[in-house]
Every structure is written in structure tokens, then in C-alpha cells.
């Protein structure tokens, strides 16, 4: 059933792309109605949630091979919001947020309540819960942070509807205050530079007096979490800092581990 859904979404996106594309194009604007027209043309049952088509292609499924073949070396197509019910395929320089396999892990005593671990319904929700209960943002950023809202759905000028997995606010020892949009991905989902840009744009619009520090979190394994601080530089999403935290029982953190961390 999942495979059929993915194939259906891929077929719709491919149809929309090539209904707009001419060789040499670097940006293709399309609207939600184009998805409906493509589904009708292909005699595909229209998905109940058209937004899931865009979400799936952005974060879960590769673009169709025919679209990938149009990418010049070093470039890739992304899908961006362009306003209410408007989107764009845009050709950009390849930009990936991938955990560094060579980075040493930092052991942290696992403070996740067992009942929460037992009943977490999805990788994304489990990841957000582990970040929250273990105060990983405080540790990572050196701030006191507080969860403000989960799954904020709102609109941003020129982007349209956006959804942020979780928003924190924070304060440092000087009293400076921050807004911290968190993007969380687990399982097969990939961290997205498109979502990072949207998160930053949203926080700058909604919280203009707070400094925005965008965070991405990803499971490397069930107990190993990669955290990234991201920023936009020259139109590209850049990694400011990356740390890997391994959640373990407290008795698995040795005196040698503590001496190593103190010396770094």
C-alpha cells in the first residue's frame, strides 16, 4: 500500500514537472491545482491530502529519475513554497545535511521516562521527546531552553503554509533571548535544507525581536542523536556546529569518559 502511494505521488510530480519544463529552465512555478490536473490526466485517484504529495517528495522519496536526469552536475532540484497554494521547482547547488560518521559521540545519562519510550508513536515524535526530556538543546547550545509549541502550522509571506516540528525559546547568561526552530527526522526521512530555510524565515517573521538559531535533529540509531545548528550564508544552508549525543544509563559513563570530555 505504501509503495502504491509513493508511486502515485511520483507519477503526479513527474507529470507536473514536465508540463512546465523546458531545457535550461532553473525555476518552474506550479500551483496546487496543477497536482489535481495531473492526477486527473493520469487517471489517478486524487490523494485526500494534496500537501502530502509535496511533503513526501521533499523528505521521503527521491524525485523521479526522469527529473533527476535533467539536473546538471553539482545541481539538484528542490521544491519550495511560493505563497498560498503556490510552489516552485528550483535548481540549486547540491546542499546536504548528513551526520558526520567520524564524529565522536558524547554520552549523556538517559532521562527519557520509560513510559514515554514505550508509547512513542513515531520516530519523529520519539526523537522530539528524547531531545526534550534529556535537555539536549541546553547541552548543545549552552542555553536554558523551553519548549514553546509542537507542530506549529502557520503561513509566511512569499512562502505560504509552513509547519515547524517544534519551537523552543531560550535565554543565555547575559539575558539575551532566542527562538529555536527544531526540525526532527527519523527513519528514512532526510533532513531538509528547504525546511531549514522555511523555519528560519518563519521565526524571523513571527519573532522579529529574538535571535533565531535553527536546529536539526536526526536519529543515527535509536539511542544516538545528531544535532546540528544551521545558518544561511550566501543563500545556502550551512552547518554552524554538529554534535552527536548517545543516551545511556548513568552507570555506563565511566570516569575515563568524564576525564575525556573535561579535556576537550
Protein backbone atom coordinates (compact mmCIF):
# COMPACT_ATOMS: atom_id res chain seq x y z
CA UNK A 1 0.00 0.00 0.00
CA UNK A 2 2.85 2.37 0.91
CA UNK A 3 4.65 1.55 -2.34
CA UNK A 4 1.48 2.29 -4.31
CA UNK A 5 1.13 5.67 -2.56
CA UNK A 6 4.76 6.55 -3.33
CA UNK A 7 4.37 5.51 -6.97
CA UNK A 8 1.21 7.60 -7.22
CA UNK A 9 2.93 10.68 -5.79
CA UNK A 10 5.97 10.23 -8.03
CA UNK A 11 3.76 9.97 -11.12
CA UNK A 12 1.86 13.15 -10.21
CA UNK A 13 5.04 15.17 -9.52
CA UNK A 14 6.68 13.93 -12.74
CA UNK A 15 3.61 14.95 -14.75
CA UNK A 16 3.55 18.44 -13.22
CA UNK A 17 7.30 18.94 -13.76
CA UNK A 18 7.34 18.03 -17.43
CA UNK A 19 4.18 20.03 -18.12
CA UNK A 20 6.26 23.10 -17.20
CA UNK A 21 9.85 22.19 -18.04
CA UNK A 22 11.91 23.43 -20.97
CA UNK A 23 15.60 22.56 -21.23
CA UNK A 24 17.69 25.20 -19.48
CA UNK A 25 14.99 26.21 -17.00
CA UNK A 26 16.16 26.76 -13.42
CA UNK A 27 12.81 27.52 -11.82
CA UNK A 28 9.31 26.21 -12.52
CA UNK A 29 6.30 27.71 -10.74
CA UNK A 30 3.27 25.49 -10.18
CA UNK A 31 0.10 25.59 -8.11
CA UNK A 32 -1.90 23.10 -6.13
CA UNK A 33 -4.42 22.86 -8.95
CA UNK A 34 -1.64 21.51 -11.20
CA UNK A 35 -1.46 18.48 -8.90
CA UNK A 36 -5.19 17.96 -9.34
CA UNK A 37 -4.95 18.31 -13.12
CA UNK A 38 -2.02 15.87 -13.25
CA UNK A 39 -3.91 13.27 -11.20
CA UNK A 40 -6.96 13.62 -13.44
CA UNK A 41 -4.86 13.35 -16.62
CA UNK A 42 -3.16 10.20 -15.32
CA UNK A 43 -6.48 8.77 -14.10
CA UNK A 44 -5.02 8.51 -10.61
CA UNK A 45 -7.29 8.74 -7.60
CA UNK A 46 -6.64 12.13 -6.07
CA UNK A 47 -4.96 11.97 -2.63
CA UNK A 48 -7.15 13.36 0.17
CA UNK A 49 -4.25 15.46 1.40
CA UNK A 50 -2.57 17.11 -1.58
CA UNK A 51 0.05 18.59 0.74
CA UNK A 52 1.27 15.06 1.47
CA UNK A 53 2.37 14.76 -2.16
CA UNK A 54 4.77 17.68 -1.72
CA UNK A 55 5.90 16.55 1.75
CA UNK A 56 6.61 13.00 0.57
CA UNK A 57 8.73 14.14 -2.37
CA UNK A 58 10.60 16.68 -0.25
CA UNK A 59 11.52 14.41 2.63
CA UNK A 60 10.79 10.74 1.96
CA UNK A 61 11.02 9.89 -1.71
CA UNK A 62 13.56 10.74 -4.39
CA UNK A 63 12.38 12.79 -7.32
CA UNK A 64 11.54 10.64 -10.38
CA UNK A 65 14.55 9.51 -12.41
CA UNK A 66 13.37 11.47 -15.45
CA UNK A 67 13.54 14.67 -13.38
CA UNK A 68 16.92 13.76 -11.88
CA UNK A 69 18.34 13.29 -15.39
CA UNK A 70 17.67 16.98 -16.12
CA UNK A 71 19.97 18.05 -13.23
CA UNK A 72 23.37 19.47 -14.29
CA UNK A 73 26.43 18.16 -12.43
CA UNK A 74 26.58 19.67 -8.95
CA UNK A 75 22.98 20.92 -9.06
CA UNK A 76 19.72 19.49 -7.80
CA UNK A 77 16.01 20.26 -7.98
CA UNK A 78 14.25 21.24 -4.76
CA UNK A 79 10.59 22.16 -4.15
CA UNK A 80 9.96 25.45 -2.35
CA UNK A 81 6.82 27.25 -1.22
CA UNK A 82 5.98 30.41 -3.14
CA UNK A 83 2.85 31.59 -1.35
CA UNK A 84 -0.59 30.23 -0.63
CA UNK A 85 -1.07 27.06 -2.75
CA UNK A 86 1.94 28.02 -4.88
CA UNK A 87 5.23 26.09 -5.22
CA UNK A 88 8.36 26.08 -7.34
CA UNK A 89 10.84 23.53 -8.58
CA UNK A 90 14.17 25.34 -8.24
CA UNK A 91 17.61 24.25 -9.39
CA UNK A 92 20.20 24.86 -6.66
CA UNK A 93 23.73 23.84 -5.80
CA UNK A 94 23.73 20.45 -4.01
CA UNK A 95 23.27 21.04 -0.30
CA UNK A 96 23.13 18.14 2.18
CA UNK A 97 22.70 17.87 5.94
CA UNK A 98 24.18 14.46 6.72
CA UNK A 99 25.68 13.28 10.04
CA UNK A 100 29.47 13.06 10.05
CA UNK A 101 30.25 9.39 10.64
CA UNK A 102 33.70 10.26 12.02
CA UNK A 103 32.38 12.49 14.81
CA UNK A 104 32.87 11.16 18.35
CA UNK A 105 29.71 10.58 20.41
CA UNK A 106 29.14 12.23 23.77
CA UNK A 107 27.45 10.02 26.38
CA UNK A 108 24.52 11.58 28.23
CA UNK A 109 22.56 9.91 31.07
CA UNK A 110 19.23 8.91 29.53
CA UNK A 111 16.46 10.79 31.35
CA UNK A 112 13.64 9.71 28.99
CA UNK A 113 10.76 8.32 31.10
CA UNK A 114 10.31 4.63 30.26
CA UNK A 115 6.60 5.09 29.73
CA UNK A 116 7.30 7.75 27.07
CA UNK A 117 9.79 5.47 25.30
CA UNK A 118 7.23 2.66 25.40
CA UNK A 119 4.38 4.60 23.81
CA UNK A 120 6.07 6.99 21.35
CA UNK A 121 4.10 6.62 18.13
CA UNK A 122 6.66 7.60 15.51
CA UNK A 123 10.38 8.09 15.04
CA UNK A 124 9.90 11.86 14.77
CA UNK A 125 7.86 12.06 17.96
CA UNK A 126 10.26 9.75 19.80
CA UNK A 127 13.17 11.93 18.72
CA UNK A 128 11.49 15.16 19.83
CA UNK A 129 10.66 13.56 23.19
CA UNK A 130 14.24 12.39 23.75
CA UNK A 131 15.62 15.83 22.86
CA UNK A 132 13.15 17.44 25.28
CA UNK A 133 13.46 15.11 28.28
CA UNK A 134 17.27 14.97 28.08
CA UNK A 135 17.59 18.76 27.66
CA UNK A 136 19.83 18.20 24.68
CA UNK A 137 19.30 21.72 23.36
CA UNK A 138 20.53 23.17 26.67
CA UNK A 139 23.61 20.95 26.48
CA UNK A 140 24.24 21.61 22.78
CA UNK A 141 23.77 25.39 22.83
CA UNK A 142 24.70 26.30 26.41
CA UNK A 143 21.30 27.97 26.90
CA UNK A 144 18.31 27.46 29.18
CA UNK A 145 15.62 26.40 26.67
CA UNK A 146 11.87 25.84 26.93
CA UNK A 147 9.52 24.08 24.52
CA UNK A 148 7.00 26.64 23.25
CA UNK A 149 4.91 24.69 20.75
CA UNK A 150 4.84 21.45 18.77
CA UNK A 151 3.91 21.28 15.11
CA UNK A 152 3.34 24.97 14.56
CA UNK A 153 1.35 25.42 11.37
CA UNK A 154 1.23 28.94 10.04
CA UNK A 155 1.74 31.00 6.89
CA UNK A 156 4.77 33.06 5.92
CA UNK A 157 4.80 35.82 3.33
CA UNK A 158 6.06 34.61 -0.06
CA UNK A 159 6.30 31.02 1.22
CA UNK A 160 2.72 30.12 2.06
CA UNK A 161 1.96 27.44 4.65
CA UNK A 162 4.83 26.12 6.74
CA UNK A 163 4.99 23.65 9.60
CA UNK A 164 7.73 23.59 12.24
CA UNK A 165 8.22 20.35 14.17
CA UNK A 166 8.84 22.14 17.48
CA UNK A 167 9.75 25.65 18.60
CA UNK A 168 11.78 26.43 21.70
CA UNK A 169 12.67 29.76 23.25
CA UNK A 170 15.89 30.20 25.17
CA UNK A 171 17.92 32.60 27.28
CA UNK A 172 21.65 32.83 27.91
CA UNK A 173 23.67 34.00 30.93
CA UNK A 174 23.63 37.60 29.64
CA UNK A 175 19.84 37.67 29.35
CA UNK A 176 19.80 37.52 25.53
CA UNK A 177 16.76 35.64 24.25
CA UNK A 178 16.49 33.25 21.31
CA UNK A 179 13.91 31.41 19.23
CA UNK A 180 14.92 27.88 18.26
CA UNK A 181 13.01 26.10 15.47
CA UNK A 182 13.71 22.36 15.59
CA UNK A 183 13.45 20.07 12.58
CA UNK A 184 13.38 16.39 13.54
CA UNK A 185 13.79 13.43 11.23
CA UNK A 186 13.84 9.73 11.97
CA UNK A 187 13.65 6.53 9.98
CA UNK A 188 14.13 7.00 6.25
CA UNK A 189 13.29 10.72 6.29
CA UNK A 190 16.13 13.11 5.47
CA UNK A 191 16.94 16.47 6.99
CA UNK A 192 15.89 19.14 4.52
CA UNK A 193 17.59 22.40 3.64
CA UNK A 194 14.23 23.60 2.31
CA UNK A 195 12.59 23.08 5.70
CA UNK A 196 15.54 24.74 7.46
CA UNK A 197 15.12 27.85 5.29
CA UNK A 198 11.38 27.89 5.95
CA UNK A 199 11.90 27.51 9.70
CA UNK A 200 14.31 30.45 9.77
CA UNK A 201 12.06 32.65 7.61
CA UNK A 202 9.06 31.85 9.80
CA UNK A 203 10.85 32.68 13.06
CA UNK A 204 12.28 35.89 11.68
CA UNK A 205 8.76 36.99 10.70
CA UNK A 206 6.90 35.81 13.82
CA UNK A 207 9.60 36.58 16.42
CA UNK A 208 11.47 39.60 14.98
CA UNK A 209 12.99 40.62 18.35
CA UNK A 210 14.54 37.21 19.08
CA UNK A 211 17.72 35.83 17.56
CA UNK A 212 16.90 32.73 15.51
CA UNK A 213 19.14 29.68 15.83
CA UNK A 214 17.85 26.84 13.67
CA UNK A 215 18.35 23.29 14.90
CA UNK A 216 18.06 19.97 13.09
CA UNK A 217 17.96 16.63 14.90
CA UNK A 218 18.29 13.16 13.44
CA UNK A 219 18.44 9.63 14.80
CA UNK A 220 21.68 7.91 13.77
CA UNK A 221 20.49 4.91 15.79
CA UNK A 222 17.76 4.50 18.41
CA UNK A 223 19.98 5.96 21.16
CA UNK A 224 22.40 8.09 19.12
CA UNK A 225 21.19 11.55 18.13
CA UNK A 226 22.88 14.04 15.82
CA UNK A 227 22.19 17.73 16.46
CA UNK A 228 23.07 20.48 14.01
CA UNK A 229 22.92 24.25 14.31
CA UNK A 230 22.24 25.71 10.88
CA UNK A 231 22.52 29.15 9.33
CA UNK A 232 22.02 30.64 5.89
CA UNK A 233 25.10 32.01 4.18
CA UNK A 234 25.10 33.24 0.56
CA UNK A 235 21.69 31.64 0.08
CA UNK A 236 22.95 28.23 1.21
CA UNK A 237 22.19 26.37 4.42
CA UNK A 238 25.47 25.86 6.31
CA UNK A 239 26.29 23.75 9.36
CA UNK A 240 27.47 26.01 12.19
CA UNK A 241 28.03 23.15 14.64
CA UNK A 242 27.34 19.41 14.87
CA UNK A 243 27.38 17.15 17.92
CA UNK A 244 26.38 13.52 18.48
CA UNK A 245 24.80 12.51 21.79
CA UNK A 246 24.48 8.89 22.94
CA UNK A 247 21.79 8.30 25.56
CA UNK A 248 22.93 5.64 28.02
CA UNK A 249 22.22 4.51 31.61
CA UNK A 250 24.23 6.64 34.03
CA UNK A 251 26.42 3.71 35.13
CA UNK A 252 27.70 3.34 31.56
CA UNK A 253 29.51 6.69 31.74
CA UNK A 254 32.95 5.94 33.14
CA UNK A 255 35.45 8.14 34.96
CA UNK A 256 37.59 7.90 31.83
CA UNK A 257 34.71 9.25 29.70
CA UNK A 258 34.28 12.20 32.07
CA UNK A 259 38.00 12.96 32.02
CA UNK A 260 37.98 12.86 28.20
CA UNK A 261 35.02 15.27 27.99
CA UNK A 262 36.60 17.67 30.51
CA UNK A 263 39.78 17.80 28.43
CA UNK A 264 38.13 18.57 25.10
